[in-house]
Amino acid sequence: MRKLGVLFAVTFGLLAVLAVGSYAVAGDAKDNVQAPGMNGYFEGAPGGPVSSVATGNFEATIDDEAREIHFTLSYSGLEGDVRQAHIHFGQRSVNGGISIWLCETAANPRPVGSPDVPDCPQEGTVDFTVGANHVLGPAGQGIAAGEFEEIAAAIRAGRAYANVHSSKFPAGEIRAQINDENQRDD
């Protein structure tokens, strides 16, 4: 009888350790998302797709606990001078409002008072971490400034896109939906 009690206590203890460990791992929610194959054909209405030789990729890790997104944006071949890059809130083929600035230029700086972002190279890679204070909105679409969880949910749902703008195509030269592997509406 005593052996059965000890065996029960040991088993219960191991299960408790496993449960706590699983919760700790799950609580460290970090999701990897991406927008591979950025190109002009994915640019949306009202301007519609653009024909450009430019290409790019966007990869990011969303860290819910830290309320941060670490991203790597790479692009090349822009037909105009780079102006800016953003995460926009919008579904495929539709232009949405800016949520997060990824990089800026002297010709198109981020809004006054918003947190620093890196300068956009004419081509190359931007590697940076943005936080809740980088979320600007778009309020008209239901995301208020600082609402990290809202834009993170939209990104996970495939309803946000990465966009690189140029002087030749001010509305965007290349873009791709983030976390939408098939680049299609569901």
Foldseek 3Di string as FASTA:
>chain_A
DVVVVVVVVVVVVVVVVVVVVVCVVVVQDKDKKKFAWWFQQFAAPPVHGDDFPKTKMKIWIQGPVQQKIKMKIFMDRDPFAWAFKAKFFAATRHGGHGFATAAGAPNGDDDPPQDDHHHDDSGGMGTDMDGLSRGPDPVVVPGHRSNSVVVVVSLCVQRIKMFIAGPVRRSGGIMGTMNPVVSDDD
